[in-house]
Amino acid sequence: MKTIQLRRYYVSSDDEDRLVEAWALRIRDQRRAHGFGIEFAYLDRDHHVFVWAVSVEGDRDLFFATERAYLDAKDASTDSGPSLVERAEVAFVDDHTPASAPS
């Protein structure tokens, strides 16, 4: 069982590239180091939304435990000041991707 959390970050068009760079430098690798998987990450420039999914092999309880450990270990010195995210939406989702393309 895999638990997947979908994250949508709304950002001003002026900050899109800065957000993606900050995510790649500070969030992506830290999440991986704490046991998370990164399912995908996309930037929708037309709507100024960075969408990505983070996962844990296990149930929601394990996801929450992994999240707590990640947040507790997060180094405050990596924060770059005010957030570039204007609004965030976070939700658990179910994966319905086919295992392989139909023939």
Protein backbone atom coordinates (compact mmCIF):
# COMPACT_ATOMS: atom_id res chain seq x y z
CA MET A 1 0.00 0.00 0.00
CA LYS A 2 1.23 3.46 -0.91
CA THR A 3 -0.12 6.68 0.57
CA ILE A 4 0.07 9.65 -1.78
CA GLN A 5 -0.39 13.29 -0.89
CA LEU A 6 -1.07 15.75 -3.71
CA ARG A 7 0.22 19.28 -3.16
CA ARG A 8 -0.78 22.35 -5.19
CA TYR A 9 1.19 25.54 -4.63
CA TYR A 10 -0.25 28.70 -6.14
CA VAL A 11 2.40 31.33 -6.83
CA SER A 12 2.71 34.65 -8.65
CA SER A 13 4.09 34.42 -12.17
CA ASP A 14 7.15 36.40 -11.04
CA ASP A 15 8.03 33.71 -8.48
CA GLU A 16 7.42 30.51 -10.47
CA ASP A 17 11.04 29.78 -11.31
CA ARG A 18 12.23 30.74 -7.83
CA LEU A 19 9.69 28.36 -6.28
CA VAL A 20 10.73 25.44 -8.48
CA GLU A 21 14.40 26.11 -7.72
CA ALA A 22 13.74 26.36 -3.97
CA TRP A 23 11.68 23.16 -4.04
CA ALA A 24 14.44 21.30 -5.88
CA LEU A 25 17.16 22.59 -3.57
CA ARG A 26 15.44 22.33 -0.20
CA ILE A 27 12.33 20.20 -0.24
CA ARG A 28 12.74 17.41 -2.80
CA ASP A 29 15.97 15.93 -1.49
CA GLN A 30 15.07 16.43 2.17
CA ARG A 31 11.79 14.60 1.65
CA ARG A 32 13.60 11.73 -0.06
CA ALA A 33 16.19 11.57 2.71
CA HIS A 34 13.35 11.14 5.24
CA GLY A 35 11.74 8.21 3.44
CA PHE A 36 9.30 9.94 1.10
CA GLY A 37 8.97 9.24 -2.59
CA ILE A 38 8.34 11.98 -5.11
CA GLU A 39 5.70 10.76 -7.55
CA PHE A 40 5.88 13.74 -9.92
CA ALA A 41 6.31 17.52 -10.03
CA TYR A 42 4.83 19.82 -12.67
CA LEU A 43 4.68 23.57 -13.13
CA ASP A 44 1.51 24.85 -14.81
CA ARG A 45 2.64 28.29 -16.00
CA ASP A 46 -0.77 29.13 -17.50
CA HIS A 47 -2.39 28.95 -14.05
CA HIS A 48 0.70 29.69 -11.90
CA VAL A 49 0.45 26.40 -10.02
CA PHE A 50 3.23 24.04 -9.00
CA VAL A 51 1.72 20.58 -8.50
CA TRP A 52 3.59 17.68 -6.98
CA ALA A 53 2.90 14.46 -5.15
CA VAL A 54 4.79 12.97 -2.23
CA SER A 55 4.33 9.40 -1.04
CA VAL A 56 5.19 6.83 1.59
CA GLU A 57 5.09 3.06 1.20
CA GLY A 58 2.51 2.35 3.88
CA ASP A 59 -0.75 3.63 5.32
CA ARG A 60 -1.71 7.16 6.40
CA ASP A 61 -0.52 6.54 9.95
CA LEU A 62 2.96 5.83 8.59
CA PHE A 63 2.72 8.88 6.34
CA PHE A 64 1.84 11.09 9.33
CA ALA A 65 4.68 9.58 11.40
CA THR A 66 7.14 10.16 8.54
CA GLU A 67 5.83 13.71 8.14
CA ARG A 68 6.30 14.42 11.86
CA ALA A 69 9.87 13.12 11.76
CA TYR A 70 10.58 15.22 8.66
CA LEU A 71 9.18 18.40 10.21
CA ASP A 72 10.94 17.78 13.54
CA ALA A 73 14.28 17.30 11.78
CA LYS A 74 13.87 20.17 9.34
CA ASP A 75 16.68 22.69 9.74
CA ALA A 76 15.25 26.19 10.22
CA SER A 77 18.37 27.65 8.61
CA THR A 78 17.18 26.33 5.22
CA ASP A 79 14.20 28.68 5.27
CA SER A 80 14.66 31.52 2.80
CA GLY A 81 12.38 34.06 4.44
CA PRO A 82 8.78 34.71 3.37
CA SER A 83 7.18 31.86 1.50
CA LEU A 84 6.82 32.14 -2.26
CA VAL A 85 3.56 30.20 -2.04
CA GLU A 86 0.47 32.40 -2.04
CA ARG A 87 -1.90 29.50 -1.33
CA ALA A 88 -1.49 25.76 -0.90
CA GLU A 89 -3.92 22.88 -1.26
CA VAL A 90 -2.96 19.52 0.19
CA ALA A 91 -4.99 16.31 -0.04
CA PHE A 92 -4.54 12.56 -0.02
CA VAL A 93 -5.31 10.93 -3.36
CA ASP A 94 -5.73 7.43 -4.75
CA ASP A 95 -3.58 6.26 -7.65
CA HIS A 96 -5.57 4.92 -10.58
CA THR A 97 -2.74 4.94 -13.12
CA PRO A 98 -2.83 1.78 -15.25
CA ALA A 99 0.08 -0.58 -14.61
CA SER A 100 0.83 -0.60 -18.34
CA ALA A 101 -0.59 0.92 -21.47
CA PRO A 102 -3.39 -1.06 -23.10
CA SER A 103 -2.39 -2.86 -26.28
